[in-house]
Amino acid sequence: MTRYHSKGEGGGLRPPNLSWQEDEEQVFRIYHLARHIWPMRHELTPKGAIPWEDWFQNHTAMTLDEFVIWSNEQRLREKFKNVKHAKHRIVVAQKEKLIGREG
């Protein structure tokens, strides 16, 4: 059972959708999103409706502070330290192969 909860229909508590935690690519994206948002977490989103930290919570079902704790528990910094560049090279190589086949 998770310690993260959100309000469901009728005001009751229901477990949040944390299925993104099971998809390594999604975890990778959210990790880098959190790193990007952290310095401006108290600023308003471009539409000015809510602070970035609230936007993050609405999209991930956990606060930035909770994500930091979870990220440290999962050792995501070490796990993704060099992945960004490696994944980018893989995507570029795959695109080049697809373009080469078409031409």
Protein backbone atom coordinates (compact mmCIF):
# COMPACT_ATOMS: atom_id res chain seq x y z
CA MET A 1 0.00 0.00 0.00
CA THR A 2 1.27 3.46 -0.84
CA ARG A 3 1.32 6.46 1.46
CA TYR A 4 0.15 8.77 -1.32
CA HIS A 5 -3.58 9.43 -1.49
CA SER A 6 -5.94 11.61 -3.49
CA LYS A 7 -9.62 12.43 -3.14
CA GLY A 8 -11.96 10.27 -5.18
CA GLU A 9 -15.58 10.66 -6.18
CA GLY A 10 -17.88 11.33 -3.26
CA GLY A 11 -15.02 12.79 -1.20
CA GLY A 12 -13.59 9.39 -0.29
CA LEU A 13 -9.94 8.53 -0.58
CA ARG A 14 -8.75 6.43 -3.48
CA PRO A 15 -5.24 5.39 -4.36
CA PRO A 16 -3.58 7.75 -6.84
CA ASN A 17 -2.50 6.57 -10.26
CA LEU A 18 1.18 5.86 -9.80
CA SER A 19 1.41 3.42 -12.72
CA TRP A 20 4.12 5.60 -14.28
CA GLN A 21 6.46 4.17 -11.62
CA GLU A 22 6.34 0.82 -13.44
CA ASP A 23 7.53 2.27 -16.76
CA GLU A 24 11.25 3.08 -16.74
CA GLU A 25 10.92 5.53 -19.63
CA GLN A 26 8.17 7.42 -17.78
CA VAL A 27 10.22 7.45 -14.57
CA PHE A 28 13.15 8.82 -16.59
CA ARG A 29 10.98 11.61 -18.03
CA ILE A 30 9.41 12.53 -14.70
CA TYR A 31 12.81 12.51 -13.00
CA HIS A 32 14.14 15.06 -15.49
CA LEU A 33 10.88 17.02 -15.35
CA ALA A 34 11.19 17.26 -11.56
CA ARG A 35 14.80 18.45 -11.88
CA HIS A 36 13.68 21.10 -14.37
CA ILE A 37 10.71 22.27 -12.29
CA TRP A 38 12.44 22.26 -8.89
CA PRO A 39 14.13 25.72 -9.16
CA MET A 40 10.87 27.36 -10.30
CA ARG A 41 8.44 25.25 -8.24
CA HIS A 42 6.92 28.31 -6.54
CA GLU A 43 6.47 30.26 -9.79
CA LEU A 44 3.21 30.13 -11.70
CA THR A 45 2.81 28.03 -14.84
CA PRO A 46 2.71 29.99 -18.13
CA LYS A 47 -1.07 30.18 -17.96
CA GLY A 48 -0.62 31.58 -14.45
CA ALA A 49 -3.23 29.31 -12.95
CA ILE A 50 -1.18 27.35 -10.42
CA PRO A 51 2.41 27.04 -9.15
CA TRP A 52 4.62 24.49 -10.91
CA GLU A 53 4.75 22.33 -7.77
CA ASP A 54 0.95 21.97 -7.84
CA TRP A 55 1.05 21.21 -11.57
CA PHE A 56 3.61 18.47 -10.92
CA GLN A 57 1.45 16.94 -8.18
CA ASN A 58 -1.63 17.01 -10.41
CA HIS A 59 0.23 15.09 -13.12
CA THR A 60 2.21 12.61 -11.04
CA ALA A 61 0.03 12.05 -7.95
CA MET A 62 2.86 13.04 -5.61
CA THR A 63 4.38 16.31 -4.49
CA LEU A 64 7.85 17.36 -5.55
CA ASP A 65 9.06 16.76 -1.98
CA GLU A 66 7.57 13.25 -2.00
CA PHE A 67 9.16 12.63 -5.40
CA VAL A 68 12.57 13.69 -4.07
CA ILE A 69 12.27 11.16 -1.24
CA TRP A 70 11.05 8.44 -3.61
CA SER A 71 13.76 9.31 -6.16
CA ASN A 72 16.45 9.01 -3.50
CA GLU A 73 15.02 5.67 -2.33
CA GLN A 74 15.12 4.41 -5.93
CA ARG A 75 18.59 5.90 -6.49
CA LEU A 76 17.45 7.54 -9.71
CA ARG A 77 20.35 10.00 -9.83
CA GLU A 78 22.84 7.17 -10.13
CA LYS A 79 20.56 5.14 -12.36
CA PHE A 80 20.01 7.95 -14.90
CA LYS A 81 23.36 9.70 -14.56
CA ASN A 82 24.50 8.91 -18.12
CA VAL A 83 21.27 7.61 -19.62
CA LYS A 84 20.11 10.94 -21.04
CA HIS A 85 22.90 11.09 -23.55
CA ALA A 86 22.87 7.38 -24.31
CA LYS A 87 19.11 7.34 -24.99
CA HIS A 88 19.43 10.41 -27.18
CA ARG A 89 22.10 8.69 -29.28
CA ILE A 90 19.93 5.57 -29.60
CA VAL A 91 16.92 7.59 -30.76
CA VAL A 92 19.02 9.49 -33.29
CA ALA A 93 20.55 6.24 -34.59
CA GLN A 94 17.11 4.66 -34.94
CA LYS A 95 15.81 7.68 -36.85
CA GLU A 96 18.83 7.61 -39.15
CA LYS A 97 18.19 3.94 -39.92
CA LEU A 98 14.54 4.66 -40.70
CA ILE A 99 15.49 7.59 -42.95
CA GLY A 100 18.13 5.48 -44.68
CA ARG A 101 15.54 2.79 -45.48
CA GLU A 102 13.11 5.29 -46.99
CA GLY A 103 15.68 6.90 -49.21
